[in-house]
């Protein structure tokens, strides 16, 4: 089925009069990956990465990119894509709705009410009631102590905190006049910059190899793009970035022209969060959080 799907893409490309070399120039995808797609080989990179390439391939040759992704997913499972067939999500939701009954909704309530102590029938005993009050007092006291420690931690200006949290802010203060007089518009001939105010964070992706990037800026907007070898791309945010980088071994990062200690592996996906305090690796792809 994957070979049939690849034939459909290739036939549309040839019908449009676009060669593989022209397609590589337009999509900024390495020629070797496009050749693999034409041959029905979709195992050259992880699925997230391959889907991004298939989407751009289909869009460039004049196909519906969303329909192409659906056909690719069906072909990967060895099936023919049927537009009249109900989606997988609907099929999964129907059994859940049928199995839910009033009893199932009511049954979880007793453990929720009794998670602190023993079952409700033992509640009238005075010793149990007293132990609950003691537990509440202990938890409340511990919470107060934690709050005090956090206030002291954030208000103090120890050498350790300065070393861990201020490098990015220091670099911003040192370079601030330059950003105010001459806002960043372009890093290189092949790069693009999203403008923002002078106190923003500017994150630059330097690509040695073809790589796909998905970024959430300040948890309010998303930007997705593909980097060609030996190119740069700069984006700006006020406070933070959350990103997924495909082929992470071929990308390095800079914040406000300062290098970031980012490590990855060729052909593998890496997730991270970056703000003024530094970089943190994530175990799952980032998502927009409701505020």
Foldseek 3Di string as FASTA:
>chain_A
DLQVLLCVLVVLQVVLVHDLVNLCVVALADSVLNVCSNRSNQPPFDPVFSLVVQLSSQVVSPHDSVVSSQQNVQVVVVHGDDPPDDDPVVVVVVVVVVPDDPCVVPVVVQCVVDVVHDGPVPVVDPVVVVVVVVVVVVVVVVVVVVVVVVVCVVVDDDPVQCVQQAPLVVLLVVCLVVCVVPPDADDDPQEGEDGDDSQKKKKKKAFQAKKKKWKQAPLPDIDTGIDHHGHMYIYIHRWKMKMKMALQQGIWMDISNHGAPDHDHGSHMWIWMQGSRHIDTDPDHDDRDDD
